[in-house]
Amino acid sequence: MDAHGDRGGAAAAAAAVGAGAGAAGADGDAAIELSDAAVALGGRRIWSEVSLHVERGEFVALLGANGSGKSTLLKVLLGALSLQSGSASVLGRAPGRASNEIGYLPQRRAFEQGVRLRGIDIVRLGLDGDRWGVPLPLGLTRPGRRERAGARARVAQAIAMVGAGEYAGRAIGECSGGEQQRLLIAQALVRRPQLFLLDEPLDSLDLPNQAAVAALVHQICREAGVTVLLVAHDVNPLLPYLDRVIYLAAGRAVQGSVEQVITSESLSSLYGVPVEVLSASDGRLVVVGQPEAPAHHHDRHDHGGAHHRAHADAR
């Protein structure tokens, strides 16, 4: 069940989650808009002159080398970091003004085997995790009966959407890496967001679970009408599902379809050095000659070190 999960009821759950997103997103504003934006950290310019446009309901991958500013862009969208110049809007508002309508999955964290919180408790934290402490069992909390029933329904729908019903009652520390990631995705979806930001959700997963999580996020995007911006090291597991990609490198960004962006010409222009994009016999994209970001870029899967071949991911 790790790679594929329980799909029973997932479509109905997606429709329930999408009801809130669709109603709130009917105003026609773009999900994400940046115009001539620049950001700096510690006095160092990370990127500048960045203009991006993500439509509502799109599934977009955010690619780039380590240190290129992918997580920094997510912080800007969340309102946790201000632009140095330029402008940004999220769901038609200033960053930070639409927090209740954004689901956010930070970089993967592993739970120790001794953690006894159940998967369902982890998902419930997405509803009331801003309160002090760990939530009491639903029957002991102060909210009224109708509110408790609504919370139960939301948690159940989110768990069904990610196909985690079979193991949601298990201690989170006893779940596999793929199962934990599904439960964390459910936690981010339980408030029925319009925009879903994921920071490297495929990292540290094996290939079957990378493919399964990529398919799951695509299903959420399409069936629930949620806009998805996903940071990835490797674009290949996402190729069947993406509408567009954003590629950050050398302090700049380029946006378009996979066919427009991940090409030898496009990446060579972005990096300012010759870069070659090859298509393997199995359809995977391989980038050859991609420069390293100073003190950051390395291929964690290539221990030989004889050559650098990043799978069209530019971490």
C-alpha atoms as a PDB file:
ATOM      1  CA  MET A   1       0.000   0.000   0.000  1.00  0.00           C
ATOM      2  CA  ASP A   2       2.998   2.307   0.368  1.00  0.00           C
ATOM      3  CA  ALA A   3       3.399   3.301  -3.254  1.00  0.00           C
ATOM      4  CA  HIS A   4      -0.227   3.312  -4.302  1.00  0.00           C
ATOM      5  CA  GLY A   5      -2.389   3.847  -1.230  1.00  0.00           C
ATOM      6  CA  ASP A   6      -6.124   3.273  -0.861  1.00  0.00           C
ATOM      7  CA  ARG A   7      -7.938   5.018  -3.724  1.00  0.00           C
ATOM      8  CA  GLY A   8     -11.436   4.246  -2.464  1.00  0.00           C
ATOM      9  CA  GLY A   9     -13.373   7.459  -1.907  1.00  0.00           C
ATOM     10  CA  ALA A  10     -10.524   9.664  -3.130  1.00  0.00           C
ATOM     11  CA  ALA A  11     -12.554  11.259  -5.938  1.00  0.00           C
ATOM     12  CA  ALA A  12     -15.429  12.128  -3.611  1.00  0.00           C
ATOM     13  CA  ALA A  13     -12.991  13.557  -1.075  1.00  0.00           C
ATOM     14  CA  ALA A  14     -11.337  15.627  -3.791  1.00  0.00           C
ATOM     15  CA  ALA A  15     -14.705  17.038  -4.789  1.00  0.00           C
ATOM     16  CA  ALA A  16     -15.409  18.014  -1.182  1.00  0.00           C
ATOM     17  CA  VAL A  17     -12.034  19.685  -0.796  1.00  0.00           C
ATOM     18  CA  GLY A  18     -12.398  21.382  -4.156  1.00  0.00           C
ATOM     19  CA  ALA A  19     -15.771  22.864  -3.285  1.00  0.00           C
ATOM     20  CA  GLY A  20     -14.150  25.454  -1.013  1.00  0.00           C
ATOM     21  CA  ALA A  21     -11.258  26.136  -3.372  1.00  0.00           C
ATOM     22  CA  GLY A  22     -13.493  26.571  -6.398  1.00  0.00           C
ATOM     23  CA  ALA A  23     -15.893  28.932  -4.694  1.00  0.00           C
ATOM     24  CA  ALA A  24     -13.144  31.150  -3.315  1.00  0.00           C
ATOM     25  CA  GLY A  25     -11.192  31.129  -6.564  1.00  0.00           C
ATOM     26  CA  ALA A  26     -13.909  32.394  -8.860  1.00  0.00           C
ATOM     27  CA  ASP A  27     -12.668  35.982  -9.035  1.00  0.00           C
ATOM     28  CA  GLY A  28     -10.317  35.337 -11.958  1.00  0.00           C
ATOM     29  CA  ASP A  29      -7.138  36.612 -10.297  1.00  0.00           C
ATOM     30  CA  ALA A  30      -3.957  34.683 -11.027  1.00  0.00           C
ATOM     31  CA  ALA A  31      -2.858  32.304  -8.290  1.00  0.00           C
ATOM     32  CA  ILE A  32       0.680  33.744  -8.301  1.00  0.00           C
ATOM     33  CA  GLU A  33       1.988  36.934  -9.914  1.00  0.00           C
ATOM     34  CA  LEU A  34       5.491  38.392  -9.628  1.00  0.00           C
ATOM     35  CA  SER A  35       6.594  41.477 -11.539  1.00  0.00           C
ATOM     36  CA  ASP A  36      10.255  42.506 -11.820  1.00  0.00           C
ATOM     37  CA  ALA A  37      10.802  41.026  -8.353  1.00  0.00           C
ATOM     38  CA  ALA A  38      14.112  40.870  -6.492  1.00  0.00           C
ATOM     39  CA  VAL A  39      15.028  39.394  -3.131  1.00  0.00           C
ATOM     40  CA  ALA A  40      18.158  39.497  -0.973  1.00  0.00           C
ATOM     41  CA  LEU A  41      19.302  37.611   2.117  1.00  0.00           C
ATOM     42  CA  GLY A  42      22.003  38.946   4.395  1.00  0.00           C
ATOM     43  CA  GLY A  43      22.832  41.633   1.890  1.00  0.00           C
ATOM     44  CA  ARG A  44      23.316  39.091  -0.929  1.00  0.00           C
ATOM     45  CA  ARG A  45      21.020  39.290  -3.960  1.00  0.00           C
ATOM     46  CA  ILE A  46      19.430  35.869  -4.533  1.00  0.00           C
ATOM     47  CA  TRP A  47      17.466  36.642  -7.675  1.00  0.00           C
ATOM     48  CA  SER A  48      16.207  39.731  -9.491  1.00  0.00           C
ATOM     49  CA  GLU A  49      14.079  40.861 -12.439  1.00  0.00           C
ATOM     50  CA  VAL A  50      11.848  37.839 -11.900  1.00  0.00           C
ATOM     51  CA  SER A  51       8.398  38.026 -13.480  1.00  0.00           C
ATOM     52  CA  LEU A  52       6.122  34.986 -13.111  1.00  0.00           C
ATOM     53  CA  HIS A  53       2.470  34.182 -13.710  1.00  0.00           C
ATOM     54  CA  VAL A  54       0.729  31.020 -12.480  1.00  0.00           C
ATOM     55  CA  GLU A  55      -2.928  30.534 -13.372  1.00  0.00           C
ATOM     56  CA  ARG A  56      -5.410  29.034 -10.956  1.00  0.00           C
ATOM     57  CA  GLY A  57      -5.623  25.262 -11.256  1.00  0.00           C
ATOM     58  CA  GLU A  58      -2.184  24.856 -12.832  1.00  0.00           C
ATOM     59  CA  PHE A  59       0.396  22.264 -11.774  1.00  0.00           C
ATOM     60  CA  VAL A  60       3.815  23.961 -11.944  1.00  0.00           C
ATOM     61  CA  ALA A  61       7.246  22.641 -10.945  1.00  0.00           C
ATOM     62  CA  LEU A  62       9.886  24.996  -9.505  1.00  0.00           C
ATOM     63  CA  LEU A  63      13.376  23.847 -10.511  1.00  0.00           C
ATOM     64  CA  GLY A  64      16.907  25.110  -9.959  1.00  0.00           C
ATOM     65  CA  ALA A  65      20.262  24.355  -8.375  1.00  0.00           C
ATOM     66  CA  ASN A  66      20.739  24.327  -4.613  1.00  0.00           C
ATOM     67  CA  GLY A  67      21.174  27.948  -3.564  1.00  0.00           C
ATOM     68  CA  SER A  68      19.234  29.313  -6.550  1.00  0.00           C
ATOM     69  CA  GLY A  69      16.420  30.594  -4.335  1.00  0.00           C
ATOM     70  CA  LYS A  70      13.576  28.096  -4.769  1.00  0.00           C
ATOM     71  CA  SER A  71      12.696  27.889  -1.061  1.00  0.00           C
ATOM     72  CA  THR A  72      13.239  31.641  -0.863  1.00  0.00           C
ATOM     73  CA  LEU A  73      10.520  32.110  -3.471  1.00  0.00           C
ATOM     74  CA  LEU A  74       8.139  30.006  -1.378  1.00  0.00           C
ATOM     75  CA  LYS A  75       8.911  32.199   1.655  1.00  0.00           C
ATOM     76  CA  VAL A  76       8.054  35.286  -0.390  1.00  0.00           C
ATOM     77  CA  LEU A  77       4.731  33.757  -1.439  1.00  0.00           C
ATOM     78  CA  LEU A  78       3.949  32.835   2.171  1.00  0.00           C
ATOM     79  CA  GLY A  79       4.654  36.396   3.309  1.00  0.00           C
ATOM     80  CA  ALA A  80       7.589  35.286   5.451  1.00  0.00           C
ATOM     81  CA  LEU A  81      10.128  37.273   3.406  1.00  0.00           C
ATOM     82  CA  SER A  82       9.728  40.695   1.795  1.00  0.00           C
ATOM     83  CA  LEU A  83      10.868  41.563  -1.700  1.00  0.00           C
ATOM     84  CA  GLN A  84      13.756  43.974  -2.094  1.00  0.00           C
ATOM     85  CA  SER A  85      12.034  45.445  -5.126  1.00  0.00           C
ATOM     86  CA  GLY A  86       9.223  44.666  -7.533  1.00  0.00           C
ATOM     87  CA  SER A  87       5.799  43.311  -6.624  1.00  0.00           C
ATOM     88  CA  ALA A  88       4.085  40.028  -5.815  1.00  0.00           C
ATOM     89  CA  SER A  89       0.508  38.887  -5.367  1.00  0.00           C
ATOM     90  CA  VAL A  90      -0.892  35.576  -4.161  1.00  0.00           C
ATOM     91  CA  LEU A  91      -4.516  34.728  -4.909  1.00  0.00           C
ATOM     92  CA  GLY A  92      -5.037  38.378  -5.791  1.00  0.00           C
ATOM     93  CA  ARG A  93      -3.677  39.728  -2.518  1.00  0.00           C
ATOM     94  CA  ALA A  94      -0.364  40.756  -1.010  1.00  0.00           C
ATOM     95  CA  PRO A  95       1.755  37.814   0.221  1.00  0.00           C
ATOM     96  CA  GLY A  96       0.722  36.847   3.743  1.00  0.00           C
ATOM     97  CA  ARG A  97      -2.863  38.089   3.307  1.00  0.00           C
ATOM     98  CA  ALA A  98      -4.162  34.755   1.993  1.00  0.00           C
ATOM     99  CA  SER A  99      -2.469  32.419   4.475  1.00  0.00           C
ATOM    100  CA  ASN A 100      -5.683  30.590   5.359  1.00  0.00           C
ATOM    101  CA  GLU A 101      -6.115  29.658   1.702  1.00  0.00           C
ATOM    102  CA  ILE A 102      -2.613  28.223   1.244  1.00  0.00           C
ATOM    103  CA  GLY A 103      -1.543  24.666   2.038  1.00  0.00           C
ATOM    104  CA  TYR A 104       2.195  24.397   2.681  1.00  0.00           C
ATOM    105  CA  LEU A 105       4.321  21.252   2.873  1.00  0.00           C
ATOM    106  CA  PRO A 106       7.855  22.184   4.050  1.00  0.00           C
ATOM    107  CA  GLN A 107      10.942  20.150   3.289  1.00  0.00           C
ATOM    108  CA  ARG A 108      10.524  16.582   4.415  1.00  0.00           C
ATOM    109  CA  ARG A 109      10.956  15.726   8.044  1.00  0.00           C
ATOM    110  CA  ALA A 110      11.190  12.148   9.274  1.00  0.00           C
ATOM    111  CA  PHE A 111       9.377  10.995  12.392  1.00  0.00           C
ATOM    112  CA  GLU A 112      11.301   8.847  14.851  1.00  0.00           C
ATOM    113  CA  GLN A 113       9.957   5.353  15.361  1.00  0.00           C
ATOM    114  CA  GLY A 114       9.065   6.145  18.968  1.00  0.00           C
ATOM    115  CA  VAL A 115       6.652   8.973  18.054  1.00  0.00           C
ATOM    116  CA  ARG A 116       3.245   7.740  19.196  1.00  0.00           C
ATOM    117  CA  LEU A 117       1.033  10.385  17.593  1.00  0.00           C
ATOM    118  CA  ARG A 118      -1.276   8.648  15.144  1.00  0.00           C
ATOM    119  CA  GLY A 119      -1.456   9.599  11.508  1.00  0.00           C
ATOM    120  CA  ILE A 120      -4.952  10.967  12.047  1.00  0.00           C
ATOM    121  CA  ASP A 121      -3.587  13.226  14.830  1.00  0.00           C
ATOM    122  CA  ILE A 122      -0.939  14.582  12.444  1.00  0.00           C
ATOM    123  CA  VAL A 123      -3.641  15.409   9.896  1.00  0.00           C
ATOM    124  CA  ARG A 124      -5.823  17.037  12.580  1.00  0.00           C
ATOM    125  CA  LEU A 125      -2.925  19.360  13.467  1.00  0.00           C
ATOM    126  CA  GLY A 126      -3.545  20.982  10.083  1.00  0.00           C
ATOM    127  CA  LEU A 127      -6.819  22.269  11.518  1.00  0.00           C
ATOM    128  CA  ASP A 128      -5.849  23.239  15.055  1.00  0.00           C
ATOM    129  CA  GLY A 129      -2.051  23.072  15.129  1.00  0.00           C
ATOM    130  CA  ASP A 130      -1.926  26.817  15.771  1.00  0.00           C
ATOM    131  CA  ARG A 131      -3.270  26.162  19.271  1.00  0.00           C
ATOM    132  CA  TRP A 132      -0.933  25.464  22.161  1.00  0.00           C
ATOM    133  CA  GLY A 133      -0.027  21.824  22.710  1.00  0.00           C
ATOM    134  CA  VAL A 134      -1.360  18.691  21.069  1.00  0.00           C
ATOM    135  CA  PRO A 135      -5.114  18.573  20.402  1.00  0.00           C
ATOM    136  CA  LEU A 136      -7.174  16.526  22.812  1.00  0.00           C
ATOM    137  CA  PRO A 137      -9.313  13.684  21.456  1.00  0.00           C
ATOM    138  CA  LEU A 138     -12.222  15.151  19.563  1.00  0.00           C
ATOM    139  CA  GLY A 139     -14.746  14.180  22.219  1.00  0.00           C
ATOM    140  CA  LEU A 140     -12.893  16.186  24.899  1.00  0.00           C
ATOM    141  CA  THR A 141     -12.397  19.455  23.064  1.00  0.00           C
ATOM    142  CA  ARG A 142     -14.422  22.559  23.834  1.00  0.00           C
ATOM    143  CA  PRO A 143     -15.956  23.257  20.395  1.00  0.00           C
ATOM    144  CA  GLY A 144     -19.615  22.370  19.955  1.00  0.00           C
ATOM    145  CA  ARG A 145     -20.939  19.161  18.485  1.00  0.00           C
ATOM    146  CA  ARG A 146     -21.416  20.609  15.004  1.00  0.00           C
ATOM    147  CA  GLU A 147     -17.858  21.994  14.915  1.00  0.00           C
ATOM    148  CA  ARG A 148     -16.429  18.683  16.092  1.00  0.00           C
ATOM    149  CA  ALA A 149     -18.393  16.814  13.447  1.00  0.00           C
ATOM    150  CA  GLY A 150     -17.166  19.238  10.781  1.00  0.00           C
ATOM    151  CA  ALA A 151     -13.568  18.766  11.906  1.00  0.00           C
ATOM    152  CA  ARG A 152     -13.943  14.981  11.793  1.00  0.00           C
ATOM    153  CA  ALA A 153     -15.388  15.198   8.304  1.00  0.00           C
ATOM    154  CA  ARG A 154     -12.568  17.397   7.032  1.00  0.00           C
ATOM    155  CA  VAL A 155      -9.900  15.122   8.495  1.00  0.00           C
ATOM    156  CA  ALA A 156     -11.610  12.042   7.050  1.00  0.00           C
ATOM    157  CA  GLN A 157     -11.915  13.666   3.614  1.00  0.00           C
ATOM    158  CA  ALA A 158      -8.262  14.691   3.542  1.00  0.00           C
ATOM    159  CA  ILE A 159      -7.157  11.193   4.573  1.00  0.00           C
ATOM    160  CA  ALA A 160      -9.392   9.635   1.920  1.00  0.00           C
ATOM    161  CA  MET A 161      -8.048  12.003  -0.728  1.00  0.00           C
ATOM    162  CA  VAL A 162      -4.470  10.823  -0.212  1.00  0.00           C
ATOM    163  CA  GLY A 163      -5.469   7.167   0.154  1.00  0.00           C
ATOM    164  CA  ALA A 164      -4.183   6.850   3.724  1.00  0.00           C
ATOM    165  CA  GLY A 165      -7.242   5.324   5.377  1.00  0.00           C
ATOM    166  CA  GLU A 166      -5.597   1.955   5.937  1.00  0.00           C
ATOM    167  CA  TYR A 167      -2.800   3.319   8.145  1.00  0.00           C
ATOM    168  CA  ALA A 168      -4.078   6.675   9.468  1.00  0.00           C
ATOM    169  CA  GLY A 169      -4.814   5.036  12.836  1.00  0.00           C
ATOM    170  CA  ARG A 170      -1.254   3.790  13.152  1.00  0.00           C
ATOM    171  CA  ALA A 171       1.465   5.631  15.093  1.00  0.00           C
ATOM    172  CA  ILE A 172       3.204   7.985  12.647  1.00  0.00           C
ATOM    173  CA  GLY A 173       6.626   6.630  13.656  1.00  0.00           C
ATOM    174  CA  GLU A 174       5.566   3.173  12.497  1.00  0.00           C
ATOM    175  CA  CYS A 175       4.543   4.357   9.028  1.00  0.00           C
ATOM    176  CA  SER A 176       6.898   4.100   6.057  1.00  0.00           C
ATOM    177  CA  GLY A 177       8.395   7.173   4.418  1.00  0.00           C
ATOM    178  CA  GLY A 178       5.808   7.151   1.639  1.00  0.00           C
ATOM    179  CA  GLU A 179       2.954   6.731   4.105  1.00  0.00           C
ATOM    180  CA  GLN A 180       4.237   9.587   6.267  1.00  0.00           C
ATOM    181  CA  GLN A 181       4.443  11.854   3.228  1.00  0.00           C
ATOM    182  CA  ARG A 182       0.851  11.084   2.257  1.00  0.00           C
ATOM    183  CA  LEU A 183      -0.321  11.949   5.777  1.00  0.00           C
ATOM    184  CA  LEU A 184       1.631  15.217   5.711  1.00  0.00           C
ATOM    185  CA  ILE A 185       0.034  16.079   2.373  1.00  0.00           C
ATOM    186  CA  ALA A 186      -3.360  15.392   3.958  1.00  0.00           C
ATOM    187  CA  GLN A 187      -2.405  17.723   6.836  1.00  0.00           C
ATOM    188  CA  ALA A 188      -1.676  20.526   4.347  1.00  0.00           C
ATOM    189  CA  LEU A 189      -4.992  19.916   2.534  1.00  0.00           C
ATOM    190  CA  VAL A 190      -7.296  19.646   5.525  1.00  0.00           C
ATOM    191  CA  ARG A 191      -8.170  23.375   5.454  1.00  0.00           C
ATOM    192  CA  ARG A 192      -9.166  23.055   1.789  1.00  0.00           C
ATOM    193  CA  PRO A 193      -6.620  25.480   0.323  1.00  0.00           C
ATOM    194  CA  GLN A 194      -6.755  27.168  -3.054  1.00  0.00           C
ATOM    195  CA  LEU A 195      -2.956  27.094  -3.430  1.00  0.00           C
ATOM    196  CA  PHE A 196      -0.683  24.207  -2.461  1.00  0.00           C
ATOM    197  CA  LEU A 197       3.053  24.911  -2.040  1.00  0.00           C
ATOM    198  CA  LEU A 198       5.302  21.849  -1.684  1.00  0.00           C
ATOM    199  CA  ASP A 199       9.030  22.113  -0.923  1.00  0.00           C
ATOM    200  CA  GLU A 200      10.823  19.033  -2.270  1.00  0.00           C
ATOM    201  CA  PRO A 201       8.093  16.481  -1.422  1.00  0.00           C
ATOM    202  CA  LEU A 202       9.804  13.746  -3.471  1.00  0.00           C
ATOM    203  CA  ASP A 203      13.146  14.085  -1.703  1.00  0.00           C
ATOM    204  CA  SER A 204      14.371  10.904   0.061  1.00  0.00           C
ATOM    205  CA  LEU A 205      11.554   8.784  -1.397  1.00  0.00           C
ATOM    206  CA  ASP A 206      12.315   5.728  -3.517  1.00  0.00           C
ATOM    207  CA  LEU A 207      11.355   5.806  -7.199  1.00  0.00           C
ATOM    208  CA  PRO A 208       7.979   4.014  -6.830  1.00  0.00           C
ATOM    209  CA  ASN A 209       6.922   6.428  -4.093  1.00  0.00           C
ATOM    210  CA  GLN A 210       8.170   9.431  -6.062  1.00  0.00           C
ATOM    211  CA  ALA A 211       5.929   8.342  -8.929  1.00  0.00           C
ATOM    212  CA  ALA A 212       3.003   7.676  -6.576  1.00  0.00           C
ATOM    213  CA  VAL A 213       3.262  11.038  -4.802  1.00  0.00           C
ATOM    214  CA  ALA A 214       3.611  12.875  -8.133  1.00  0.00           C
ATOM    215  CA  ALA A 215       0.438  11.168  -9.396  1.00  0.00           C
ATOM    216  CA  LEU A 216      -1.345  11.954  -6.134  1.00  0.00           C
ATOM    217  CA  VAL A 217      -0.503  15.673  -6.289  1.00  0.00           C
ATOM    218  CA  HIS A 218      -1.676  15.764  -9.908  1.00  0.00           C
ATOM    219  CA  GLN A 219      -4.954  14.133  -8.897  1.00  0.00           C
ATOM    220  CA  ILE A 220      -5.446  16.735  -6.163  1.00  0.00           C
ATOM    221  CA  CYS A 221      -4.704  19.538  -8.620  1.00  0.00           C
ATOM    222  CA  ARG A 222      -7.161  18.297 -11.237  1.00  0.00           C
ATOM    223  CA  GLU A 223     -10.008  16.925  -9.135  1.00  0.00           C
ATOM    224  CA  ALA A 224      -9.968  19.535  -6.352  1.00  0.00           C
ATOM    225  CA  GLY A 225      -9.028  22.483  -8.572  1.00  0.00           C
ATOM    226  CA  VAL A 226      -6.081  23.373  -6.330  1.00  0.00           C
ATOM    227  CA  THR A 227      -3.175  25.330  -7.825  1.00  0.00           C
ATOM    228  CA  VAL A 228       0.107  23.494  -7.190  1.00  0.00           C
ATOM    229  CA  LEU A 229       3.647  24.894  -7.066  1.00  0.00           C
ATOM    230  CA  LEU A 230       6.061  22.060  -6.322  1.00  0.00           C
ATOM    231  CA  VAL A 231       9.806  22.399  -5.720  1.00  0.00           C
ATOM    232  CA  ALA A 232      11.650  19.405  -7.169  1.00  0.00           C
ATOM    233  CA  HIS A 233      15.163  18.113  -7.575  1.00  0.00           C
ATOM    234  CA  ASP A 234      14.182  15.814 -10.426  1.00  0.00           C
ATOM    235  CA  VAL A 235      11.547  16.816 -12.946  1.00  0.00           C
ATOM    236  CA  ASN A 236      11.258  13.333 -14.450  1.00  0.00           C
ATOM    237  CA  PRO A 237       8.652  11.839 -12.072  1.00  0.00           C
ATOM    238  CA  LEU A 238       6.508  14.927 -12.761  1.00  0.00           C
ATOM    239  CA  LEU A 239       6.777  14.997 -16.556  1.00  0.00           C
ATOM    240  CA  PRO A 240       3.413  13.321 -17.290  1.00  0.00           C
ATOM    241  CA  TYR A 241       1.530  15.827 -15.158  1.00  0.00           C
ATOM    242  CA  LEU A 242       3.045  19.310 -15.444  1.00  0.00           C
ATOM    243  CA  ASP A 243       1.394  22.279 -17.098  1.00  0.00           C
ATOM    244  CA  ARG A 244       4.526  24.420 -16.888  1.00  0.00           C
ATOM    245  CA  VAL A 245       7.871  24.774 -15.122  1.00  0.00           C
ATOM    246  CA  ILE A 246       9.748  27.671 -13.535  1.00  0.00           C
ATOM    247  CA  TYR A 247      13.536  27.381 -13.663  1.00  0.00           C
ATOM    248  CA  LEU A 248      15.726  29.527 -11.358  1.00  0.00           C
ATOM    249  CA  ALA A 249      19.420  29.916 -12.133  1.00  0.00           C
ATOM    250  CA  ALA A 250      22.111  32.592 -12.065  1.00  0.00           C
ATOM    251  CA  GLY A 251      19.776  34.962 -10.222  1.00  0.00           C
ATOM    252  CA  ARG A 252      17.154  34.868 -12.959  1.00  0.00           C
ATOM    253  CA  ALA A 253      14.079  32.822 -13.864  1.00  0.00           C
ATOM    254  CA  VAL A 254      12.503  31.426 -17.007  1.00  0.00           C
ATOM    255  CA  GLN A 255       8.981  30.032 -17.233  1.00  0.00           C
ATOM    256  CA  GLY A 256       7.129  27.965 -19.811  1.00  0.00           C
ATOM    257  CA  SER A 257       6.235  24.435 -20.823  1.00  0.00           C
ATOM    258  CA  VAL A 258       8.749  21.635 -20.263  1.00  0.00           C
ATOM    259  CA  GLU A 259       9.418  21.625 -24.009  1.00  0.00           C
ATOM    260  CA  GLN A 260      10.135  25.370 -23.975  1.00  0.00           C
ATOM    261  CA  VAL A 261      12.287  25.570 -20.835  1.00  0.00           C
ATOM    262  CA  ILE A 262      14.236  22.336 -20.505  1.00  0.00           C
ATOM    263  CA  THR A 263      16.177  22.633 -23.744  1.00  0.00           C
ATOM    264  CA  SER A 264      19.851  23.085 -24.519  1.00  0.00           C
ATOM    265  CA  GLU A 265      19.229  26.584 -25.901  1.00  0.00           C
ATOM    266  CA  SER A 266      17.071  27.780 -23.008  1.00  0.00           C
ATOM    267  CA  LEU A 267      19.307  26.488 -20.203  1.00  0.00           C
ATOM    268  CA  SER A 268      22.505  27.601 -21.923  1.00  0.00           C
ATOM    269  CA  SER A 269      21.067  31.109 -22.142  1.00  0.00           C
ATOM    270  CA  LEU A 270      19.919  31.036 -18.518  1.00  0.00           C
ATOM    271  CA  TYR A 271      23.221  29.770 -17.104  1.00  0.00           C
ATOM    272  CA  GLY A 272      25.425  31.701 -19.527  1.00  0.00           C
ATOM    273  CA  VAL A 273      27.465  28.581 -20.349  1.00  0.00           C
ATOM    274  CA  PRO A 274      26.891  25.652 -22.738  1.00  0.00           C
ATOM    275  CA  VAL A 275      24.376  23.165 -21.315  1.00  0.00           C
ATOM    276  CA  GLU A 276      23.096  20.134 -23.192  1.00  0.00           C
ATOM    277  CA  VAL A 277      19.730  18.458 -22.616  1.00  0.00           C
ATOM    278  CA  LEU A 278      19.489  14.829 -23.701  1.00  0.00           C
ATOM    279  CA  SER A 279      16.447  12.573 -23.907  1.00  0.00           C
ATOM    280  CA  ALA A 280      17.086   9.013 -22.719  1.00  0.00           C
ATOM    281  CA  SER A 281      15.490   6.009 -24.399  1.00  0.00           C
ATOM    282  CA  ASP A 282      12.959   5.756 -21.571  1.00  0.00           C
ATOM    283  CA  GLY A 283      11.886   9.380 -22.055  1.00  0.00           C
ATOM    284  CA  ARG A 284      13.807  10.774 -19.089  1.00  0.00           C
ATOM    285  CA  LEU A 285      15.561  14.101 -19.524  1.00  0.00           C
ATOM    286  CA  VAL A 286      19.230  14.424 -18.623  1.00  0.00           C
ATOM    287  CA  VAL A 287      21.042  17.755 -18.298  1.00  0.00           C
ATOM    288  CA  VAL A 288      24.779  17.640 -19.044  1.00  0.00           C
ATOM    289  CA  GLY A 289      27.207  20.443 -18.205  1.00  0.00           C
ATOM    290  CA  GLN A 290      24.971  22.152 -15.686  1.00  0.00           C
ATOM    291  CA  PRO A 291      27.115  24.444 -13.500  1.00  0.00           C
ATOM    292  CA  GLU A 292      27.325  23.959  -9.772  1.00  0.00           C
ATOM    293  CA  ALA A 293      25.998  26.586  -7.388  1.00  0.00           C
ATOM    294  CA  PRO A 294      28.985  27.627  -5.231  1.00  0.00           C
ATOM    295  CA  ALA A 295      29.398  25.349  -2.193  1.00  0.00           C
ATOM    296  CA  HIS A 296      25.928  23.896  -2.713  1.00  0.00           C
ATOM    297  CA  HIS A 297      25.381  21.853  -5.852  1.00  0.00           C
ATOM    298  CA  HIS A 298      26.136  18.158  -5.812  1.00  0.00           C
ATOM    299  CA  ASP A 299      24.467  15.032  -7.151  1.00  0.00           C
ATOM    300  CA  ARG A 300      23.519  13.078  -4.078  1.00  0.00           C
ATOM    301  CA  HIS A 301      22.820  10.014  -6.228  1.00  0.00           C
ATOM    302  CA  ASP A 302      26.161  10.032  -8.077  1.00  0.00           C
ATOM    303  CA  HIS A 303      28.855   8.960  -5.646  1.00  0.00           C
ATOM    304  CA  GLY A 304      31.437   8.314  -8.350  1.00  0.00           C
ATOM    305  CA  GLY A 305      31.912  12.031  -8.959  1.00  0.00           C
ATOM    306  CA  ALA A 306      33.417  11.458 -12.416  1.00  0.00           C
ATOM    307  CA  HIS A 307      30.816  13.573 -14.116  1.00  0.00           C
ATOM    308  CA  HIS A 308      27.737  15.599 -13.211  1.00  0.00           C
ATOM    309  CA  ARG A 309      24.478  14.578 -14.799  1.00  0.00           C
ATOM    310  CA  ALA A 310      21.458  16.137 -13.171  1.00  0.00           C
ATOM    311  CA  HIS A 311      18.224  14.542 -14.355  1.00  0.00           C
ATOM    312  CA  ALA A 312      16.726  17.740 -15.730  1.00  0.00           C
ATOM    313  CA  ASP A 313      16.227  18.823 -12.199  1.00  0.00           C
ATOM    314  CA  ALA A 314      18.741  21.554 -11.433  1.00  0.00           C
ATOM    315  CA  ARG A 315      18.390  21.266  -7.755  1.00  0.00           C
END
